[in-house]
Amino acid sequence: MSGLLRGISRIRTAPLLRGSTVVQRANIVSKPAKHAIGPAETVVGLGLFSLVILAPSGWILANLENYKKK
C-alpha cells in the first residue's frame, strides 16, 4: 500500500521537479507579405468558409421533419 502512495506522490510532484520546459516564441515578421491577397480571393475564401460551416446545419434544419420520424 505504501508503494502505491509513493507512486501517486511521484506522479503529482514530477511536473514540479521538472520545471517549465516549454519555451514560447512569437513569430514576429517585420516585412510585408510576399504576395498580397486581393479582394476576389478574400471573398472566395470567406464564402467557402461560410459554406463549409453553414451547409451542414442548413441541411439538418431543412430535413428536420425526416429526422423526427426516425
PDB file of N, CA and C in Angstrom:
ATOM      1  N   MET A   1       0.819  -1.197   0.000  1.00  0.00           N
ATOM      2  CA  MET A   1       0.000   0.000   0.000  1.00  0.00           C
ATOM      3  C   MET A   1       0.859   1.256   0.000  1.00  0.00           C
ATOM      4  N   SER A   2       1.975   1.226   0.759  1.00  0.00           N
ATOM      5  CA  SER A   2       2.816   2.414   0.810  1.00  0.00           C
ATOM      6  C   SER A   2       3.501   2.655  -0.541  1.00  0.00           C
ATOM      7  N   GLY A   3       3.778   1.572  -1.277  1.00  0.00           N
ATOM      8  CA  GLY A   3       4.354   1.730  -2.616  1.00  0.00           C
ATOM      9  C   GLY A   3       3.393   2.447  -3.546  1.00  0.00           C
ATOM     10  N   LEU A   4       2.102   2.143  -3.401  1.00  0.00           N
ATOM     11  CA  LEU A   4       1.085   2.804  -4.212  1.00  0.00           C
ATOM     12  C   LEU A   4       1.039   4.294  -3.893  1.00  0.00           C
ATOM     13  N   LEU A   5       1.105   4.624  -2.603  1.00  0.00           N
ATOM     14  CA  LEU A   5       1.077   6.023  -2.206  1.00  0.00           C
ATOM     15  C   LEU A   5       2.331   6.763  -2.676  1.00  0.00           C
ATOM     16  N   ARG A   6       3.486   6.098  -2.632  1.00  0.00           N
ATOM     17  CA  ARG A   6       4.707   6.732  -3.135  1.00  0.00           C
ATOM     18  C   ARG A   6       4.609   6.986  -4.633  1.00  0.00           C
ATOM     19  N   GLY A   7       4.018   6.041  -5.368  1.00  0.00           N
ATOM     20  CA  GLY A   7       3.848   6.215  -6.813  1.00  0.00           C
ATOM     21  C   GLY A   7       2.935   7.388  -7.134  1.00  0.00           C
ATOM     22  N   ILE A   8       1.854   7.523  -6.370  1.00  0.00           N
ATOM     23  CA  ILE A   8       0.925   8.638  -6.591  1.00  0.00           C
ATOM     24  C   ILE A   8       1.613   9.957  -6.279  1.00  0.00           C
ATOM     25  N   SER A   9       2.398   9.999  -5.196  1.00  0.00           N
ATOM     26  CA  SER A   9       3.072  11.248  -4.840  1.00  0.00           C
ATOM     27  C   SER A   9       4.123  11.613  -5.886  1.00  0.00           C
ATOM     28  N   ARG A  10       4.777  10.621  -6.492  1.00  0.00           N
ATOM     29  CA  ARG A  10       5.754  10.912  -7.548  1.00  0.00           C
ATOM     30  C   ARG A  10       5.072  11.506  -8.764  1.00  0.00           C
ATOM     31  N   ILE A  11       3.916  10.974  -9.111  1.00  0.00           N
ATOM     32  CA  ILE A  11       3.191  11.477 -10.280  1.00  0.00           C
ATOM     33  C   ILE A  11       2.784  12.924 -10.049  1.00  0.00           C
ATOM     34  N   ARG A  12       2.359  13.245  -8.841  1.00  0.00           N
ATOM     35  CA  ARG A  12       1.913  14.603  -8.558  1.00  0.00           C
ATOM     36  C   ARG A  12       3.072  15.585  -8.498  1.00  0.00           C
ATOM     37  N   THR A  13       4.218  15.179  -7.989  1.00  0.00           N
ATOM     38  CA  THR A  13       5.338  16.106  -7.828  1.00  0.00           C
ATOM     39  C   THR A  13       6.257  16.143  -9.039  1.00  0.00           C
ATOM     40  N   ALA A  14       6.110  15.240  -9.977  1.00  0.00           N
ATOM     41  CA  ALA A  14       7.004  15.187 -11.137  1.00  0.00           C
ATOM     42  C   ALA A  14       6.995  16.486 -11.943  1.00  0.00           C
ATOM     43  N   PRO A  15       5.837  17.070 -12.277  1.00  0.00           N
ATOM     44  CA  PRO A  15       5.880  18.322 -13.042  1.00  0.00           C
ATOM     45  C   PRO A  15       6.554  19.454 -12.264  1.00  0.00           C
ATOM     46  N   LEU A  16       6.436  19.448 -10.956  1.00  0.00           N
ATOM     47  CA  LEU A  16       7.068  20.494 -10.165  1.00  0.00           C
ATOM     48  C   LEU A  16       8.584  20.360 -10.176  1.00  0.00           C
ATOM     49  N   LEU A  17       9.068  19.127 -10.168  1.00  0.00           N
ATOM     50  CA  LEU A  17      10.502  18.906 -10.159  1.00  0.00           C
ATOM     51  C   LEU A  17      11.133  19.201 -11.506  1.00  0.00           C
ATOM     52  N   ARG A  18      10.413  18.910 -12.589  1.00  0.00           N
ATOM     53  CA  ARG A  18      10.948  19.132 -13.925  1.00  0.00           C
ATOM     54  C   ARG A  18      11.030  20.606 -14.275  1.00  0.00           C
ATOM     55  N   GLY A  19      10.099  21.388 -13.785  1.00  0.00           N
ATOM     56  CA  GLY A  19      10.081  22.803 -14.118  1.00  0.00           C
ATOM     57  C   GLY A  19       9.403  23.045 -15.455  1.00  0.00           C
ATOM     58  N   SER A  20       9.472  24.246 -15.909  1.00  0.00           N
ATOM     59  CA  SER A  20       8.833  24.620 -17.167  1.00  0.00           C
ATOM     60  C   SER A  20       9.815  24.397 -18.307  1.00  0.00           C
ATOM     61  N   THR A  21       9.552  23.420 -19.148  1.00  0.00           N
ATOM     62  CA  THR A  21      10.430  23.134 -20.274  1.00  0.00           C
ATOM     63  C   THR A  21       9.892  23.686 -21.585  1.00  0.00           C
ATOM     64  N   VAL A  22       8.677  24.223 -21.574  1.00  0.00           N
ATOM     65  CA  VAL A  22       8.071  24.748 -22.789  1.00  0.00           C
ATOM     66  C   VAL A  22       8.544  26.187 -22.983  1.00  0.00           C
ATOM     67  N   VAL A  23       9.133  26.451 -24.129  1.00  0.00           N
ATOM     68  CA  VAL A  23       9.589  27.794 -24.449  1.00  0.00           C
ATOM     69  C   VAL A  23       8.673  28.328 -25.533  1.00  0.00           C
ATOM     70  N   GLN A  24       8.017  29.431 -25.244  1.00  0.00           N
ATOM     71  CA  GLN A  24       7.104  30.013 -26.219  1.00  0.00           C
ATOM     72  C   GLN A  24       7.819  31.128 -26.967  1.00  0.00           C
ATOM     73  N   ARG A  25       7.685  31.097 -28.269  1.00  0.00           N
ATOM     74  CA  ARG A  25       8.286  32.130 -29.098  1.00  0.00           C
ATOM     75  C   ARG A  25       7.224  32.682 -30.028  1.00  0.00           C
ATOM     76  N   ALA A  26       7.219  33.973 -30.172  1.00  0.00           N
ATOM     77  CA  ALA A  26       6.279  34.616 -31.082  1.00  0.00           C
ATOM     78  C   ALA A  26       6.937  34.739 -32.456  1.00  0.00           C
ATOM     79  N   ASN A  27       6.144  34.508 -33.482  1.00  0.00           N
ATOM     80  CA  ASN A  27       6.644  34.678 -34.843  1.00  0.00           C
ATOM     81  C   ASN A  27       6.398  36.122 -35.268  1.00  0.00           C
ATOM     82  N   ILE A  28       7.389  36.946 -35.092  1.00  0.00           N
ATOM     83  CA  ILE A  28       7.260  38.350 -35.444  1.00  0.00           C
ATOM     84  C   ILE A  28       7.953  38.555 -36.787  1.00  0.00           C
ATOM     85  N   VAL A  29       7.210  39.105 -37.740  1.00  0.00           N
ATOM     86  CA  VAL A  29       7.739  39.341 -39.073  1.00  0.00           C
ATOM     87  C   VAL A  29       7.726  40.844 -39.307  1.00  0.00           C
ATOM     88  N   SER A  30       8.845  41.367 -39.685  1.00  0.00           N
ATOM     89  CA  SER A  30       8.934  42.809 -39.879  1.00  0.00           C
ATOM     90  C   SER A  30       8.709  43.227 -41.331  1.00  0.00           C
ATOM     91  N   LYS A  31       8.557  42.262 -42.209  1.00  0.00           N
ATOM     92  CA  LYS A  31       8.376  42.561 -43.619  1.00  0.00           C
ATOM     93  C   LYS A  31       6.908  42.383 -43.999  1.00  0.00           C
ATOM     94  N   PRO A  32       6.470  43.053 -45.052  1.00  0.00           N
ATOM     95  CA  PRO A  32       5.107  42.793 -45.540  1.00  0.00           C
ATOM     96  C   PRO A  32       5.032  41.430 -46.212  1.00  0.00           C
ATOM     97  N   ALA A  33       3.831  40.968 -46.461  1.00  0.00           N
ATOM     98  CA  ALA A  33       3.634  39.666 -47.090  1.00  0.00           C
ATOM     99  C   ALA A  33       4.249  39.637 -48.485  1.00  0.00           C
ATOM    100  N   LYS A  34       4.695  38.449 -48.900  1.00  0.00           N
ATOM    101  CA  LYS A  34       5.310  38.316 -50.224  1.00  0.00           C
ATOM    102  C   LYS A  34       4.295  38.547 -51.335  1.00  0.00           C
ATOM    103  N   HIS A  35       3.093  38.012 -51.158  1.00  0.00           N
ATOM    104  CA  HIS A  35       2.037  38.153 -52.156  1.00  0.00           C
ATOM    105  C   HIS A  35       0.809  38.738 -51.479  1.00  0.00           C
ATOM    106  N   ALA A  36       0.334  39.835 -51.990  1.00  0.00           N
ATOM    107  CA  ALA A  36      -0.867  40.454 -51.434  1.00  0.00           C
ATOM    108  C   ALA A  36      -2.101  39.652 -51.837  1.00  0.00           C
ATOM    109  N   ILE A  37      -3.026  39.506 -50.927  1.00  0.00           N
ATOM    110  CA  ILE A  37      -4.279  38.800 -51.211  1.00  0.00           C
ATOM    111  C   ILE A  37      -5.284  39.827 -51.702  1.00  0.00           C
ATOM    112  N   GLY A  38      -5.832  39.569 -52.870  1.00  0.00           N
ATOM    113  CA  GLY A  38      -6.769  40.513 -53.478  1.00  0.00           C
ATOM    114  C   GLY A  38      -8.167  40.372 -52.908  1.00  0.00           C
ATOM    115  N   PRO A  39      -9.036  41.315 -53.261  1.00  0.00           N
ATOM    116  CA  PRO A  39     -10.413  41.270 -52.765  1.00  0.00           C
ATOM    117  C   PRO A  39     -11.185  40.048 -53.276  1.00  0.00           C
ATOM    118  N   ALA A  40     -10.905  39.609 -54.492  1.00  0.00           N
ATOM    119  CA  ALA A  40     -11.616  38.450 -55.030  1.00  0.00           C
ATOM    120  C   ALA A  40     -11.248  37.184 -54.251  1.00  0.00           C
ATOM    121  N   GLU A  41      -9.956  37.025 -53.944  1.00  0.00           N
ATOM    122  CA  GLU A  41      -9.538  35.857 -53.157  1.00  0.00           C
ATOM    123  C   GLU A  41     -10.131  35.898 -51.757  1.00  0.00           C
ATOM    124  N   THR A  42     -10.237  37.090 -51.187  1.00  0.00           N
ATOM    125  CA  THR A  42     -10.825  37.236 -49.857  1.00  0.00           C
ATOM    126  C   THR A  42     -12.298  36.841 -49.877  1.00  0.00           C
ATOM    127  N   VAL A  43     -13.027  37.291 -50.870  1.00  0.00           N
ATOM    128  CA  VAL A  43     -14.454  36.975 -50.970  1.00  0.00           C
ATOM    129  C   VAL A  43     -14.655  35.475 -51.174  1.00  0.00           C
ATOM    130  N   VAL A  44     -13.847  34.867 -52.037  1.00  0.00           N
ATOM    131  CA  VAL A  44     -13.957  33.425 -52.279  1.00  0.00           C
ATOM    132  C   VAL A  44     -13.631  32.652 -51.008  1.00  0.00           C
ATOM    133  N   GLY A  45     -12.574  33.035 -50.320  1.00  0.00           N
ATOM    134  CA  GLY A  45     -12.193  32.347 -49.088  1.00  0.00           C
ATOM    135  C   GLY A  45     -13.258  32.453 -48.014  1.00  0.00           C
ATOM    136  N   LEU A  46     -13.774  33.639 -47.782  1.00  0.00           N
ATOM    137  CA  LEU A  46     -14.824  33.815 -46.774  1.00  0.00           C
ATOM    138  C   LEU A  46     -16.113  33.105 -47.174  1.00  0.00           C
ATOM    139  N   GLY A  47     -16.418  33.129 -48.475  1.00  0.00           N
ATOM    140  CA  GLY A  47     -17.620  32.438 -48.951  1.00  0.00           C
ATOM    141  C   GLY A  47     -17.534  30.935 -48.748  1.00  0.00           C
ATOM    142  N   LEU A  48     -16.405  30.351 -49.088  1.00  0.00           N
ATOM    143  CA  LEU A  48     -16.234  28.903 -48.897  1.00  0.00           C
ATOM    144  C   LEU A  48     -16.225  28.533 -47.420  1.00  0.00           C
ATOM    145  N   PHE A  49     -15.582  29.358 -46.617  1.00  0.00           N
ATOM    146  CA  PHE A  49     -15.554  29.101 -45.178  1.00  0.00           C
ATOM    147  C   PHE A  49     -16.970  29.133 -44.605  1.00  0.00           C
ATOM    148  N   SER A  50     -17.769  30.118 -44.998  1.00  0.00           N
ATOM    149  CA  SER A  50     -19.152  30.208 -44.535  1.00  0.00           C
ATOM    150  C   SER A  50     -19.969  29.014 -45.022  1.00  0.00           C
ATOM    151  N   LEU A  51     -19.762  28.610 -46.258  1.00  0.00           N
ATOM    152  CA  LEU A  51     -20.494  27.476 -46.812  1.00  0.00           C
ATOM    153  C   LEU A  51     -20.175  26.193 -46.057  1.00  0.00           C
ATOM    154  N   VAL A  52     -18.906  25.990 -45.756  1.00  0.00           N
ATOM    155  CA  VAL A  52     -18.497  24.779 -45.043  1.00  0.00           C
ATOM    156  C   VAL A  52     -19.091  24.745 -43.643  1.00  0.00           C
ATOM    157  N   ILE A  53     -19.209  25.897 -43.006  1.00  0.00           N
ATOM    158  CA  ILE A  53     -19.754  25.954 -41.649  1.00  0.00           C
ATOM    159  C   ILE A  53     -21.277  25.860 -41.674  1.00  0.00           C
ATOM    160  N   LEU A  54     -21.939  26.563 -42.584  1.00  0.00           N
ATOM    161  CA  LEU A  54     -23.391  26.679 -42.555  1.00  0.00           C
ATOM    162  C   LEU A  54     -24.135  25.600 -43.339  1.00  0.00           C
ATOM    163  N   ALA A  55     -23.513  24.976 -44.313  1.00  0.00           N
ATOM    164  CA  ALA A  55     -24.217  23.987 -45.137  1.00  0.00           C
ATOM    165  C   ALA A  55     -24.697  22.775 -44.344  1.00  0.00           C
ATOM    166  N   PRO A  56     -23.886  22.166 -43.490  1.00  0.00           N
ATOM    167  CA  PRO A  56     -24.399  21.012 -42.743  1.00  0.00           C
ATOM    168  C   PRO A  56     -25.564  21.355 -41.811  1.00  0.00           C
ATOM    169  N   SER A  57     -25.486  22.492 -41.140  1.00  0.00           N
ATOM    170  CA  SER A  57     -26.591  22.865 -40.253  1.00  0.00           C
ATOM    171  C   SER A  57     -27.839  23.206 -41.060  1.00  0.00           C
ATOM    172  N   GLY A  58     -27.665  23.816 -42.224  1.00  0.00           N
ATOM    173  CA  GLY A  58     -28.817  24.084 -43.091  1.00  0.00           C
ATOM    174  C   GLY A  58     -29.457  22.810 -43.594  1.00  0.00           C
ATOM    175  N   TRP A  59     -28.640  21.812 -43.916  1.00  0.00           N
ATOM    176  CA  TRP A  59     -29.163  20.528 -44.370  1.00  0.00           C
ATOM    177  C   TRP A  59     -29.996  19.873 -43.259  1.00  0.00           C
ATOM    178  N   ILE A  60     -29.485  19.913 -42.059  1.00  0.00           N
ATOM    179  CA  ILE A  60     -30.201  19.309 -40.928  1.00  0.00           C
ATOM    180  C   ILE A  60     -31.511  20.038 -40.680  1.00  0.00           C
ATOM    181  N   LEU A  61     -31.486  21.366 -40.710  1.00  0.00           N
ATOM    182  CA  LEU A  61     -32.719  22.120 -40.478  1.00  0.00           C
ATOM    183  C   LEU A  61     -33.726  21.908 -41.609  1.00  0.00           C
ATOM    184  N   ALA A  62     -33.258  21.771 -42.840  1.00  0.00           N
ATOM    185  CA  ALA A  62     -34.164  21.551 -43.956  1.00  0.00           C
ATOM    186  C   ALA A  62     -34.827  20.173 -43.893  1.00  0.00           C
ATOM    187  N   ASN A  63     -34.127  19.175 -43.337  1.00  0.00           N
ATOM    188  CA  ASN A  63     -34.643  17.820 -43.257  1.00  0.00           C
ATOM    189  C   ASN A  63     -35.037  17.430 -41.825  1.00  0.00           C
ATOM    190  N   LEU A  64     -35.374  18.389 -41.014  1.00  0.00           N
ATOM    191  CA  LEU A  64     -35.673  18.136 -39.613  1.00  0.00           C
ATOM    192  C   LEU A  64     -36.866  17.209 -39.437  1.00  0.00           C
ATOM    193  N   GLU A  65     -37.871  17.358 -40.286  1.00  0.00           N
ATOM    194  CA  GLU A  65     -39.067  16.502 -40.184  1.00  0.00           C
ATOM    195  C   GLU A  65     -38.713  15.036 -40.459  1.00  0.00           C
ATOM    196  N   ASN A  66     -37.803  14.801 -41.394  1.00  0.00           N
ATOM    197  CA  ASN A  66     -37.383  13.427 -41.689  1.00  0.00           C
ATOM    198  C   ASN A  66     -36.648  12.820 -40.496  1.00  0.00           C
ATOM    199  N   TYR A  67     -35.851  13.633 -39.821  1.00  0.00           N
ATOM    200  CA  TYR A  67     -35.120  13.137 -38.670  1.00  0.00           C
ATOM    201  C   TYR A  67     -36.034  12.858 -37.481  1.00  0.00           C
ATOM    202  N   LYS A  68     -37.122  13.640 -37.371  1.00  0.00           N
ATOM    203  CA  LYS A  68     -38.082  13.425 -36.275  1.00  0.00           C
ATOM    204  C   LYS A  68     -38.819  12.098 -36.444  1.00  0.00           C
ATOM    205  N   LYS A  69     -39.059  11.674 -37.683  1.00  0.00           N
ATOM    206  CA  LYS A  69     -39.803  10.442 -37.948  1.00  0.00           C
ATOM    207  C   LYS A  69     -39.001   9.205 -37.592  1.00  0.00           C
ATOM    208  N   LYS A  70     -37.690   9.291 -37.630  1.00  0.00           N
ATOM    209  CA  LYS A  70     -36.845   8.120 -37.379  1.00  0.00           C
ATOM    210  C   LYS A  70     -36.763   7.785 -35.930  1.00  0.00           C
TER     211      LYS A  70
END
